[in-house]
Amino acid sequence: MNFCKNFKYIFLVLLVSGCAANIKENVHNPINESEKTPKEAVYLDISHAKYISKSKDLTNSMNELGRLISKKLTVVQSKPNSGLAVDISIENFRYVSGFGRFMAGVMVGDAELKLKIKVTELSSGNIIGESVFDTQSEFSEGIFGATTSRQLEAMAIKIFEYIKSGEKNS
């Protein structure tokens, strides 16, 4: 009897927590070791590829990604003359909500998010780093598969680590 009660709680925790998003990184141009990534604020520009149809989910996800990155980095609203500009282009997007994942499991489909990142040093205009980050939930993960919100959280951390990798190298 007690075992069944404990099993229910363990199952509930696993059900709610789910799996983290796995991010594949394809670094085209790692942040140059000779370039110093400034510790001051960065200008952030998030857009989507023209072939991706604009939707409420896409707009909300773009805003959420900006908010999550702003938790890690100091972001300015207007483009300064010096510092870094981080351009993020959403190249692939398929929204899956936590509720949809919970209720329909794998039947709701895969959450997909692919971002192209370009880091530019504003005073010189030089591109100091380019990368592509890609994540997709998988059929085998079932109801534990990553949702768009988990993917956005994982991407924000990955972007922060990528930008800060220039500080470690310099």
Protein backbone atom coordinates (compact mmCIF):
# COMPACT_ATOMS: atom_id res chain seq x y z
CA MET A 1 0.00 0.00 0.00
CA ASN A 2 2.74 2.44 1.01
CA PHE A 3 4.75 1.37 -2.06
CA CYS A 4 1.86 2.31 -4.37
CA LYS A 5 1.56 5.73 -2.75
CA ASN A 6 5.30 6.39 -3.12
CA PHE A 7 5.22 5.14 -6.71
CA LYS A 8 2.45 7.61 -7.55
CA TYR A 9 4.54 10.49 -6.22
CA ILE A 10 7.65 9.38 -8.07
CA PHE A 11 5.66 8.97 -11.29
CA LEU A 12 4.10 12.42 -10.84
CA VAL A 13 7.52 14.06 -10.37
CA LEU A 14 8.88 12.33 -13.47
CA LEU A 15 5.79 13.27 -15.44
CA VAL A 16 6.03 16.95 -14.57
CA SER A 17 9.80 17.29 -14.89
CA GLY A 18 10.18 15.71 -18.33
CA CYS A 19 13.43 15.64 -20.27
CA ALA A 20 15.77 18.48 -21.00
CA ALA A 21 16.33 19.56 -24.58
CA ASN A 22 19.44 18.17 -26.26
CA ILE A 23 21.15 20.79 -28.38
CA LYS A 24 23.30 19.98 -31.39
CA GLU A 25 25.85 22.65 -32.12
CA ASN A 26 27.32 23.22 -35.54
CA VAL A 27 30.00 25.86 -35.03
CA HIS A 28 30.82 27.52 -38.32
CA ASN A 29 33.09 30.12 -36.80
CA PRO A 30 33.87 29.91 -33.08
CA ILE A 31 34.38 33.22 -31.33
CA ASN A 32 37.89 34.28 -32.26
CA GLU A 33 40.44 33.92 -29.48
CA SER A 34 42.04 37.26 -30.39
CA GLU A 35 38.72 39.12 -30.07
CA LYS A 36 37.70 40.14 -26.59
CA THR A 37 34.07 39.78 -25.79
CA PRO A 38 33.16 42.81 -23.71
CA LYS A 39 31.70 42.49 -20.25
CA GLU A 40 29.32 45.38 -20.96
CA ALA A 41 25.86 45.17 -22.46
CA VAL A 42 25.11 43.52 -25.78
CA TYR A 43 22.61 44.44 -28.47
CA LEU A 44 20.25 41.55 -29.19
CA ASP A 45 18.28 41.16 -32.42
CA ILE A 46 15.96 38.15 -32.71
CA SER A 47 14.20 37.52 -36.02
CA HIS A 48 12.87 34.59 -38.01
CA ALA A 49 13.61 33.35 -41.50
CA LYS A 50 11.24 34.63 -44.19
CA TYR A 51 10.02 31.13 -45.03
CA ILE A 52 8.70 30.60 -41.46
CA SER A 53 5.14 31.83 -41.19
CA LYS A 54 4.61 34.30 -38.39
CA SER A 55 2.30 33.14 -35.63
CA LYS A 56 1.38 34.05 -32.07
CA ASP A 57 3.43 31.09 -30.81
CA LEU A 58 6.49 32.21 -32.80
CA THR A 59 6.19 35.82 -31.58
CA ASN A 60 5.75 34.70 -27.97
CA SER A 61 8.71 32.33 -28.27
CA MET A 62 10.93 35.08 -29.71
CA ASN A 63 9.98 37.37 -26.83
CA GLU A 64 10.56 34.59 -24.30
CA LEU A 65 14.00 33.80 -25.76
CA GLY A 66 14.94 37.48 -25.48
CA ARG A 67 13.71 37.55 -21.88
CA LEU A 68 15.67 34.42 -20.97
CA ILE A 69 18.88 35.74 -22.56
CA SER A 70 18.37 39.05 -20.74
CA LYS A 71 18.50 37.12 -17.46
CA LYS A 72 22.06 36.02 -18.31
CA LEU A 73 23.38 39.06 -20.20
CA THR A 74 22.82 42.78 -19.95
CA VAL A 75 20.92 43.64 -23.11
CA VAL A 76 20.44 47.16 -24.51
CA GLN A 77 17.46 48.20 -26.65
CA SER A 78 19.24 50.55 -29.06
CA LYS A 79 22.31 49.59 -31.08
CA PRO A 80 25.43 51.19 -29.56
CA ASN A 81 28.60 52.17 -31.44
CA SER A 82 30.76 49.66 -29.59
CA GLY A 83 30.31 46.33 -27.88
CA LEU A 84 28.67 43.24 -29.28
CA ALA A 85 25.63 42.67 -31.44
CA VAL A 86 24.08 39.21 -31.23
CA ASP A 87 21.84 38.42 -34.20
CA ILE A 88 19.64 35.36 -33.74
CA SER A 89 17.66 34.03 -36.66
CA ILE A 90 15.08 31.30 -36.09
CA GLU A 91 15.61 28.90 -39.00
CA ASN A 92 13.21 26.13 -37.95
CA PHE A 93 10.34 26.26 -35.47
CA ARG A 94 7.55 23.96 -34.39
CA TYR A 95 5.72 24.83 -31.19
CA VAL A 96 4.69 22.17 -28.67
CA SER A 97 3.16 23.24 -25.36
CA GLY A 98 3.62 21.44 -22.06
CA PHE A 99 -0.12 20.83 -21.86
CA GLY A 100 -0.22 19.34 -25.34
CA ARG A 101 2.77 17.12 -24.56
CA PHE A 102 1.15 15.95 -21.31
CA MET A 103 -2.27 15.27 -22.80
CA ALA A 104 -1.33 13.78 -26.17
CA GLY A 105 2.27 12.64 -25.63
CA VAL A 106 4.00 11.75 -28.88
CA MET A 107 0.81 12.33 -30.86
CA VAL A 108 1.33 16.10 -30.53
CA GLY A 109 4.54 15.78 -32.59
CA ASP A 110 8.09 17.00 -32.19
CA ALA A 111 9.04 20.38 -30.81
CA GLU A 112 11.69 21.85 -33.13
CA LEU A 113 13.94 24.88 -32.76
CA LYS A 114 16.94 25.79 -34.90
CA LEU A 115 18.79 29.06 -34.35
CA LYS A 116 21.52 30.70 -36.40
CA ILE A 117 23.69 32.93 -34.20
CA LYS A 118 25.98 35.70 -35.46
CA VAL A 119 28.11 37.73 -33.04
CA THR A 120 29.48 41.02 -34.39
CA GLU A 121 31.93 43.44 -32.79
CA LEU A 122 30.17 46.76 -33.42
CA SER A 123 33.11 49.19 -33.49
CA SER A 124 34.88 47.30 -36.29
CA GLY A 125 31.88 45.58 -37.85
CA ASN A 126 33.77 42.28 -37.81
CA ILE A 127 31.85 39.06 -37.32
CA ILE A 128 33.66 37.37 -34.45
CA GLY A 129 31.56 34.23 -34.21
CA GLU A 130 28.85 32.27 -36.03
CA SER A 131 27.09 29.09 -35.01
CA VAL A 132 23.94 27.07 -35.53
CA PHE A 133 22.14 25.49 -32.59
CA ASP A 134 19.50 22.85 -33.26
CA THR A 135 17.20 20.90 -30.94
CA GLN A 136 14.30 18.57 -31.57
CA SER A 137 12.28 16.35 -29.28
CA GLU A 138 12.15 12.71 -30.25
CA PHE A 139 9.33 10.19 -30.58
CA SER A 140 11.02 7.83 -28.10
CA GLU A 141 10.79 10.44 -25.32
CA GLY A 142 6.98 10.19 -25.29
CA ILE A 143 5.31 12.51 -22.77
CA PHE A 144 8.74 13.23 -21.30
CA GLY A 145 9.91 14.87 -24.53
CA ALA A 146 11.11 18.44 -24.55
CA THR A 147 8.58 21.20 -25.13
CA THR A 148 9.25 24.54 -26.78
CA SER A 149 9.61 26.27 -23.40
CA ARG A 150 12.31 23.80 -22.33
CA GLN A 151 14.05 24.23 -25.66
CA LEU A 152 14.05 28.02 -25.27
CA GLU A 153 15.55 27.74 -21.78
CA ALA A 154 18.28 25.39 -23.02
CA MET A 155 19.01 27.62 -26.03
CA ALA A 156 19.33 30.75 -23.86
CA ILE A 157 21.94 28.97 -21.72
CA LYS A 158 23.78 27.69 -24.79
CA ILE A 159 23.84 31.16 -26.39
CA PHE A 160 25.16 32.69 -23.16
CA GLU A 161 27.91 30.05 -22.95
CA TYR A 162 28.81 30.59 -26.60
CA ILE A 163 29.14 34.36 -26.18
CA LYS A 164 31.11 34.02 -22.96
CA SER A 165 33.43 31.43 -24.54
CA GLY A 166 35.29 34.36 -26.14
CA GLU A 167 36.15 35.70 -22.69
CA LYS A 168 37.69 32.35 -21.69
CA ASN A 169 39.74 32.21 -24.87
CA SER A 170 41.09 35.76 -24.74
